[in-house]
Amino acid sequence: MSNHQGNEIAPVAPKPQDFKAPIFKDDKLVLYFHPYNFYSQKVLLVLYEKNIEFTPYMIDLCNGEQYSNWFLNLNPKGDVPVLQDGILTIPNSQHIINYVETKYRGESHPLLKPYNPNSFEAGKVTIFERELARLPIGALSLGSFIHDDLKLVPKAPFIGPVRQALLKNNHKIVELLRSQLSESIVQSAALNQKLNLQLRRRELVSSRADFQRVLDAVLDLLLKVEKQMEKDNKDGWLIGDDFTLADVGFGILLQRLFQLGFENYYWAHGKLPRVERYFMRFRQRASYLKLIPNSNFEILKEMWSMTPTNYKVGATAGFLGMAMFAAFAHK
């Protein structure tokens, strides 16, 4: 095989301008998302909990589809998730959740927030959502890839070459934003804000001392939940007996920490036993089982899609070995 033929095996990664807008029927409820994006997972869990039918469209975050012209017309900030309900477009996970919680009610669409917005329980849900929103989830994920002294035990897909790919992708996204800023006038304010956020996040996680403050902020929230559960003296949900939006956010936070490998750092081995039992209950919900890939093959497929071309040739043997393990493990 010639060098020319060998080079043709690895296709050039697409650029934002290469992506074209998908076409859906006007009456479709469409969610633009990525399955491993924290805020997308929150919305997906709500849609599953409320039994809402929707059309999923996965945005290629690794190659910058979120900064393509068609997607920036949907959301000038270039963030997922975005919900499109006919001619109505709703960006921001919290706005999406509030929208579907208000629109979809009734026996087949259970409420995730107390019906009376002035009730004590509704107030507790709102307070917890605000506390969770203050956590820098993006910095938490990125920093976990950098600081090896934490001795984490990451789970798929955040293992092997994917971790290095995501680190490199952070640099790539900064360059994509700078490129789009030079070409776009309409979305310049939103893109510039996004660029500054990316640069601040990179600076935050580069310092071990600064990243420790992120870890401590997460621990403070977990300790607060542990103490409240101990005070209530029962293993239920965060706000009484019903599963609410507070549980959506907290459960997804625990899932992200688990996938990044933080369970031993935070709650395992008796550190936070009630939080650990809570997470076990959360993982048994039907909505969770829909959200998280239930086979090694699905995880491997997603890992492969997140791995850059230059890694794929060298990683083929490793992935094939893992695929064979997955095949035998499920017999």
Protein backbone atom coordinates (compact mmCIF):
# COMPACT_ATOMS: atom_id res chain seq x y z
CA MET A 1 0.00 0.00 0.00
CA SER A 2 1.39 3.42 -0.95
CA ASN A 3 1.72 6.27 1.50
CA HIS A 4 -0.93 8.11 -0.49
CA GLN A 5 -3.39 5.25 -0.08
CA GLY A 6 -2.52 4.95 3.61
CA ASN A 7 -3.25 8.61 4.18
CA GLU A 8 -6.66 8.23 2.56
CA ILE A 9 -7.76 5.89 5.37
CA ALA A 10 -7.90 8.78 7.82
CA PRO A 11 -10.49 11.34 6.64
CA VAL A 12 -10.11 15.02 7.41
CA ALA A 13 -12.23 16.09 10.39
CA PRO A 14 -15.23 18.24 9.39
CA LYS A 15 -15.24 21.97 10.05
CA PRO A 16 -18.20 23.97 11.41
CA GLN A 17 -19.09 25.25 7.96
CA ASP A 18 -19.34 21.67 6.68
CA PHE A 19 -22.37 20.89 8.85
CA LYS A 20 -25.82 21.39 7.34
CA ALA A 21 -29.08 21.94 9.17
CA PRO A 22 -31.26 18.83 9.57
CA ILE A 23 -34.85 19.02 8.35
CA PHE A 24 -37.78 17.89 10.49
CA LYS A 25 -41.54 18.16 10.19
CA ASP A 26 -42.97 21.31 11.76
CA ASP A 27 -44.98 19.38 14.35
CA LYS A 28 -41.97 17.47 15.72
CA LEU A 29 -40.54 18.01 19.20
CA VAL A 30 -36.80 17.89 18.53
CA LEU A 31 -34.00 17.80 21.10
CA TYR A 32 -30.53 18.81 19.93
CA PHE A 33 -28.12 17.30 22.44
CA HIS A 34 -25.06 15.19 23.15
CA PRO A 35 -25.47 12.02 25.25
CA TYR A 36 -22.48 12.75 27.51
CA ASN A 37 -23.15 16.46 27.99
CA PHE A 38 -24.18 17.04 31.61
CA TYR A 39 -26.99 19.48 30.80
CA SER A 40 -28.28 17.31 27.94
CA GLN A 41 -28.50 14.40 30.36
CA LYS A 42 -30.64 16.46 32.75
CA VAL A 43 -33.12 17.27 29.97
CA LEU A 44 -33.15 13.70 28.67
CA LEU A 45 -33.91 12.37 32.14
CA VAL A 46 -36.82 14.83 32.50
CA LEU A 47 -38.24 13.82 29.12
CA TYR A 48 -38.02 10.14 30.07
CA GLU A 49 -39.51 10.73 33.53
CA LYS A 50 -42.45 12.62 32.02
CA ASN A 51 -42.96 10.07 29.21
CA ILE A 52 -42.61 12.71 26.49
CA GLU A 53 -42.10 11.55 22.91
CA PHE A 54 -39.42 13.49 21.06
CA THR A 55 -36.99 13.27 18.16
CA PRO A 56 -33.33 13.22 19.24
CA TYR A 57 -30.60 14.84 17.14
CA MET A 58 -27.04 14.42 18.40
CA ILE A 59 -24.73 17.41 17.90
CA ASP A 60 -21.11 16.58 17.04
CA LEU A 61 -19.42 18.55 19.82
CA CYS A 62 -15.98 17.10 19.12
CA ASN A 63 -15.88 18.56 15.63
CA GLY A 64 -17.56 21.87 16.45
CA GLU A 65 -21.05 21.41 15.00
CA GLN A 66 -22.31 23.59 17.86
CA TYR A 67 -20.50 26.50 16.21
CA SER A 68 -21.85 25.86 12.71
CA ASN A 69 -24.00 28.59 11.20
CA TRP A 70 -27.16 26.53 11.30
CA PHE A 71 -26.82 25.71 14.99
CA LEU A 72 -25.82 29.25 15.97
CA ASN A 73 -29.08 30.39 14.38
CA LEU A 74 -30.83 28.13 16.90
CA ASN A 75 -28.67 29.12 19.86
CA PRO A 76 -26.18 32.00 19.40
CA LYS A 77 -24.28 30.77 22.49
CA GLY A 78 -23.40 27.48 20.78
CA ASP A 79 -24.57 25.38 23.73
CA VAL A 80 -26.51 22.15 23.96
CA PRO A 81 -29.18 21.18 24.68
CA VAL A 82 -31.73 23.05 22.57
CA LEU A 83 -35.39 22.05 22.27
CA GLN A 84 -37.43 22.89 19.18
CA ASP A 85 -41.21 22.64 19.44
CA GLY A 86 -42.57 23.59 16.03
CA ILE A 87 -41.61 27.21 15.42
CA LEU A 88 -40.61 27.69 19.06
CA THR A 89 -36.94 27.27 20.01
CA ILE A 90 -35.90 26.90 23.66
CA PRO A 91 -32.16 26.96 24.54
CA ASN A 92 -30.72 26.39 28.04
CA SER A 93 -31.44 23.21 29.99
CA GLN A 94 -33.28 24.99 32.81
CA HIS A 95 -35.56 26.83 30.38
CA ILE A 96 -36.27 23.58 28.55
CA ILE A 97 -37.11 21.78 31.79
CA ASN A 98 -39.42 24.59 32.91
CA TYR A 99 -41.12 24.57 29.50
CA VAL A 100 -41.89 20.85 29.38
CA GLU A 101 -42.83 20.79 33.08
CA THR A 102 -45.44 23.48 32.37
CA LYS A 103 -46.71 22.13 29.03
CA TYR A 104 -46.83 18.41 29.75
CA ARG A 105 -49.07 17.61 32.69
CA GLY A 106 -51.63 15.01 33.54
CA GLU A 107 -51.73 11.33 34.42
CA SER A 108 -49.29 10.28 31.68
CA HIS A 109 -46.88 13.19 32.35
CA PRO A 110 -46.10 13.24 36.09
CA LEU A 111 -45.07 16.54 37.65
CA LEU A 112 -41.46 16.84 38.79
CA LYS A 113 -42.07 20.01 40.77
CA PRO A 114 -44.82 20.54 43.37
CA TYR A 115 -47.99 21.92 41.74
CA ASN A 116 -48.17 24.93 44.07
CA PRO A 117 -45.13 27.14 43.27
CA ASN A 118 -45.52 28.88 46.64
CA SER A 119 -45.38 25.67 48.66
CA PHE A 120 -42.56 24.82 51.03
CA GLU A 121 -41.59 21.82 48.90
CA ALA A 122 -41.45 23.89 45.69
CA GLY A 123 -39.20 26.38 47.45
CA LYS A 124 -36.82 23.62 48.52
CA VAL A 125 -36.62 22.32 44.93
CA THR A 126 -35.79 25.80 43.65
CA ILE A 127 -33.12 26.39 46.30
CA PHE A 128 -31.43 23.07 45.56
CA GLU A 129 -31.48 23.72 41.80
CA ARG A 130 -29.74 27.07 42.39
CA GLU A 131 -27.07 25.46 44.57
CA LEU A 132 -26.41 22.83 41.91
CA ALA A 133 -26.27 25.45 39.14
CA ARG A 134 -23.36 27.18 40.93
CA LEU A 135 -21.10 24.14 40.52
CA PRO A 136 -18.66 24.47 37.57
CA ILE A 137 -19.40 21.08 36.00
CA GLY A 138 -17.27 21.70 32.90
CA ALA A 139 -14.24 22.55 35.04
CA LEU A 140 -14.86 19.48 37.19
CA SER A 141 -14.75 17.19 34.15
CA LEU A 142 -11.77 18.85 32.48
CA GLY A 143 -9.72 19.03 35.68
CA SER A 144 -10.23 15.34 36.37
CA PHE A 145 -8.34 14.57 33.15
CA ILE A 146 -5.36 16.67 34.22
CA HIS A 147 -4.60 15.97 37.87
CA ASP A 148 -3.41 12.37 38.15
CA ASP A 149 -2.67 12.70 41.87
CA LEU A 150 -6.40 12.22 42.55
CA LYS A 151 -6.05 8.50 41.67
CA LEU A 152 -9.48 8.37 40.04
CA VAL A 153 -11.09 5.27 38.55
CA PRO A 154 -12.84 6.64 35.42
CA LYS A 155 -15.50 4.66 33.55
CA ALA A 156 -16.28 4.47 29.84
CA PRO A 157 -16.33 6.58 27.80
CA PHE A 158 -13.92 8.77 29.81
CA ILE A 159 -11.01 6.34 29.63
CA GLY A 160 -7.93 5.68 27.51
CA PRO A 161 -7.45 7.83 24.41
CA VAL A 162 -10.79 9.55 24.92
CA ARG A 163 -9.43 11.44 27.95
CA GLN A 164 -6.52 12.78 25.91
CA ALA A 165 -8.85 13.51 23.01
CA LEU A 166 -11.15 15.59 25.22
CA LEU A 167 -8.19 17.57 26.54
CA LYS A 168 -7.03 18.29 23.00
CA ASN A 169 -10.60 19.07 21.99
CA ASN A 170 -10.71 21.84 24.59
CA HIS A 171 -7.84 23.58 22.78
CA LYS A 172 -9.54 22.91 19.45
CA ILE A 173 -12.78 24.51 20.63
CA VAL A 174 -10.92 27.67 21.66
CA GLU A 175 -9.44 27.94 18.17
CA LEU A 176 -12.84 27.26 16.57
CA LEU A 177 -14.38 30.04 18.63
CA ARG A 178 -11.65 32.48 17.62
CA SER A 179 -12.15 31.52 13.99
CA GLN A 180 -15.93 31.92 14.17
CA LEU A 181 -15.54 35.28 15.93
CA SER A 182 -13.51 36.57 13.01
CA GLU A 183 -16.21 35.45 10.54
CA SER A 184 -19.44 36.14 12.45
CA ILE A 185 -20.77 39.57 13.32
CA VAL A 186 -24.29 38.63 14.37
CA GLN A 187 -23.29 36.15 17.09
CA SER A 188 -20.03 37.89 18.10
CA ALA A 189 -21.17 38.92 21.61
CA ALA A 190 -22.38 35.43 22.54
CA LEU A 191 -19.33 33.73 21.02
CA ASN A 192 -16.95 36.10 22.75
CA GLN A 193 -18.63 35.32 26.07
CA LYS A 194 -18.25 31.62 25.32
CA LEU A 195 -14.57 32.06 24.45
CA ASN A 196 -13.89 33.91 27.71
CA LEU A 197 -15.66 31.13 29.61
CA GLN A 198 -13.48 28.49 27.95
CA LEU A 199 -10.30 30.42 28.75
CA ARG A 200 -11.33 30.95 32.40
CA ARG A 201 -12.16 27.27 32.74
CA ARG A 202 -8.78 26.27 31.35
CA GLU A 203 -7.01 28.62 33.75
CA LEU A 204 -9.08 27.35 36.69
CA VAL A 205 -8.34 23.67 36.16
CA SER A 206 -4.64 24.19 35.37
CA SER A 207 -3.94 25.16 38.98
CA ARG A 208 -4.18 22.24 41.41
CA ALA A 209 -5.03 24.65 44.26
CA ASP A 210 -7.81 26.30 42.25
CA PHE A 211 -9.16 22.94 41.13
CA GLN A 212 -9.24 21.82 44.76
CA ARG A 213 -11.72 24.61 45.43
CA VAL A 214 -13.97 23.09 42.76
CA LEU A 215 -13.69 19.68 44.42
CA ASP A 216 -14.43 21.20 47.82
CA ALA A 217 -17.54 22.95 46.51
CA VAL A 218 -18.88 19.59 45.29
CA LEU A 219 -18.04 18.00 48.64
CA ASP A 220 -19.89 20.74 50.52
CA LEU A 221 -23.06 19.95 48.55
CA LEU A 222 -22.70 16.19 49.08
CA LEU A 223 -22.14 16.68 52.81
CA LYS A 224 -25.22 18.88 53.02
CA VAL A 225 -27.34 16.18 51.39
CA GLU A 226 -25.84 13.46 53.62
CA LYS A 227 -26.62 15.44 56.78
CA GLN A 228 -30.17 16.21 55.64
CA MET A 229 -30.84 12.53 54.90
CA GLU A 230 -29.42 11.59 58.27
CA LYS A 231 -31.68 14.18 59.92
CA ASP A 232 -34.74 12.88 58.06
CA ASN A 233 -33.71 9.34 59.09
CA LYS A 234 -35.04 7.71 55.93
CA ASP A 235 -33.80 6.70 52.51
CA GLY A 236 -36.14 8.58 50.21
CA TRP A 237 -35.72 11.30 47.64
CA LEU A 238 -34.38 14.76 48.32
CA ILE A 239 -37.74 16.50 48.80
CA GLY A 240 -40.00 13.97 50.51
CA ASP A 241 -41.32 10.78 48.94
CA ASP A 242 -41.68 12.02 45.35
CA PHE A 243 -38.94 12.16 42.71
CA THR A 244 -38.52 15.84 41.76
CA LEU A 245 -36.34 18.11 39.65
CA ALA A 246 -33.97 18.31 42.60
CA ASP A 247 -33.37 14.57 42.21
CA VAL A 248 -32.86 14.97 38.47
CA GLY A 249 -30.00 17.41 39.00
CA PHE A 250 -28.45 15.62 41.97
CA GLY A 251 -28.70 12.19 40.37
CA ILE A 252 -27.03 13.38 37.18
CA LEU A 253 -24.29 15.04 39.24
CA LEU A 254 -23.59 11.73 41.00
CA GLN A 255 -23.60 9.95 37.65
CA ARG A 256 -21.03 12.39 36.25
CA LEU A 257 -18.84 12.00 39.35
CA PHE A 258 -19.12 8.21 39.02
CA GLN A 259 -18.16 8.21 35.34
CA LEU A 260 -15.20 10.48 36.05
CA GLY A 261 -14.13 8.05 38.80
CA PHE A 262 -14.78 10.20 41.89
CA GLU A 263 -16.85 7.70 43.91
CA ASN A 264 -13.89 6.62 46.07
CA TYR A 265 -12.90 10.24 46.59
CA TYR A 266 -16.36 11.33 47.73
CA TRP A 267 -18.74 8.67 49.02
CA ALA A 268 -17.55 5.04 48.77
CA HIS A 269 -16.21 2.90 51.64
CA GLY A 270 -18.51 4.45 54.22
CA LYS A 271 -17.58 8.10 53.62
CA LEU A 272 -21.14 9.17 52.70
CA PRO A 273 -23.29 6.04 53.07
CA ARG A 274 -26.66 7.71 52.54
CA VAL A 275 -25.47 9.43 49.36
CA GLU A 276 -24.13 6.08 48.16
CA ARG A 277 -27.48 4.36 48.81
CA TYR A 278 -29.28 7.25 47.11
CA PHE A 279 -27.18 6.79 43.99
CA MET A 280 -27.94 3.06 43.94
CA ARG A 281 -31.69 3.84 44.03
CA PHE A 282 -31.29 6.49 41.34
CA ARG A 283 -29.58 4.00 39.02
CA GLN A 284 -32.56 1.66 39.29
CA ARG A 285 -35.06 4.13 37.84
CA ALA A 286 -36.42 3.34 34.37
CA SER A 287 -35.44 6.81 33.14
CA TYR A 288 -31.81 6.22 34.16
CA LEU A 289 -31.72 2.89 32.31
CA LYS A 290 -32.89 4.67 29.15
CA LEU A 291 -30.33 7.42 29.61
CA ILE A 292 -27.19 5.35 30.12
CA PRO A 293 -25.96 2.84 27.46
CA ASN A 294 -26.81 -0.64 28.69
CA SER A 295 -24.23 -2.61 26.77
CA ASN A 296 -20.48 -2.50 26.29
CA PHE A 297 -21.01 -2.38 22.53
CA GLU A 298 -23.00 0.86 22.78
CA ILE A 299 -20.31 2.39 24.99
CA LEU A 300 -17.54 1.27 22.62
CA LYS A 301 -19.40 2.74 19.66
CA GLU A 302 -19.69 6.09 21.45
CA MET A 303 -16.04 5.96 22.54
CA TRP A 304 -15.01 5.34 18.94
CA SER A 305 -17.02 8.32 17.71
CA MET A 306 -15.30 10.55 20.31
CA THR A 307 -11.79 9.36 19.41
CA PRO A 308 -9.88 11.53 16.89
CA THR A 309 -8.62 10.04 13.65
CA ASN A 310 -4.94 10.10 14.61
CA TYR A 311 -5.70 7.88 17.61
CA LYS A 312 -7.93 5.43 15.74
CA VAL A 313 -5.28 3.58 13.74
CA GLY A 314 -3.16 2.85 16.82
CA ALA A 315 -6.15 2.23 19.03
CA THR A 316 -7.86 -0.29 16.75
CA ALA A 317 -6.35 -3.33 18.43
CA GLY A 318 -7.24 -2.07 21.87
CA PHE A 319 -10.83 -1.35 20.92
CA LEU A 320 -11.18 -4.72 19.18
CA GLY A 321 -9.91 -6.42 22.31
CA MET A 322 -12.44 -4.53 24.40
CA ALA A 323 -15.18 -5.42 21.90
CA MET A 324 -14.29 -9.10 22.17
CA PHE A 325 -14.44 -8.83 25.96
CA ALA A 326 -17.84 -7.20 25.67
CA ALA A 327 -19.08 -9.99 23.42
CA PHE A 328 -18.04 -12.74 25.80
CA ALA A 329 -19.22 -10.82 28.86
CA HIS A 330 -22.76 -10.68 27.50
CA LYS A 331 -23.09 -14.33 26.49
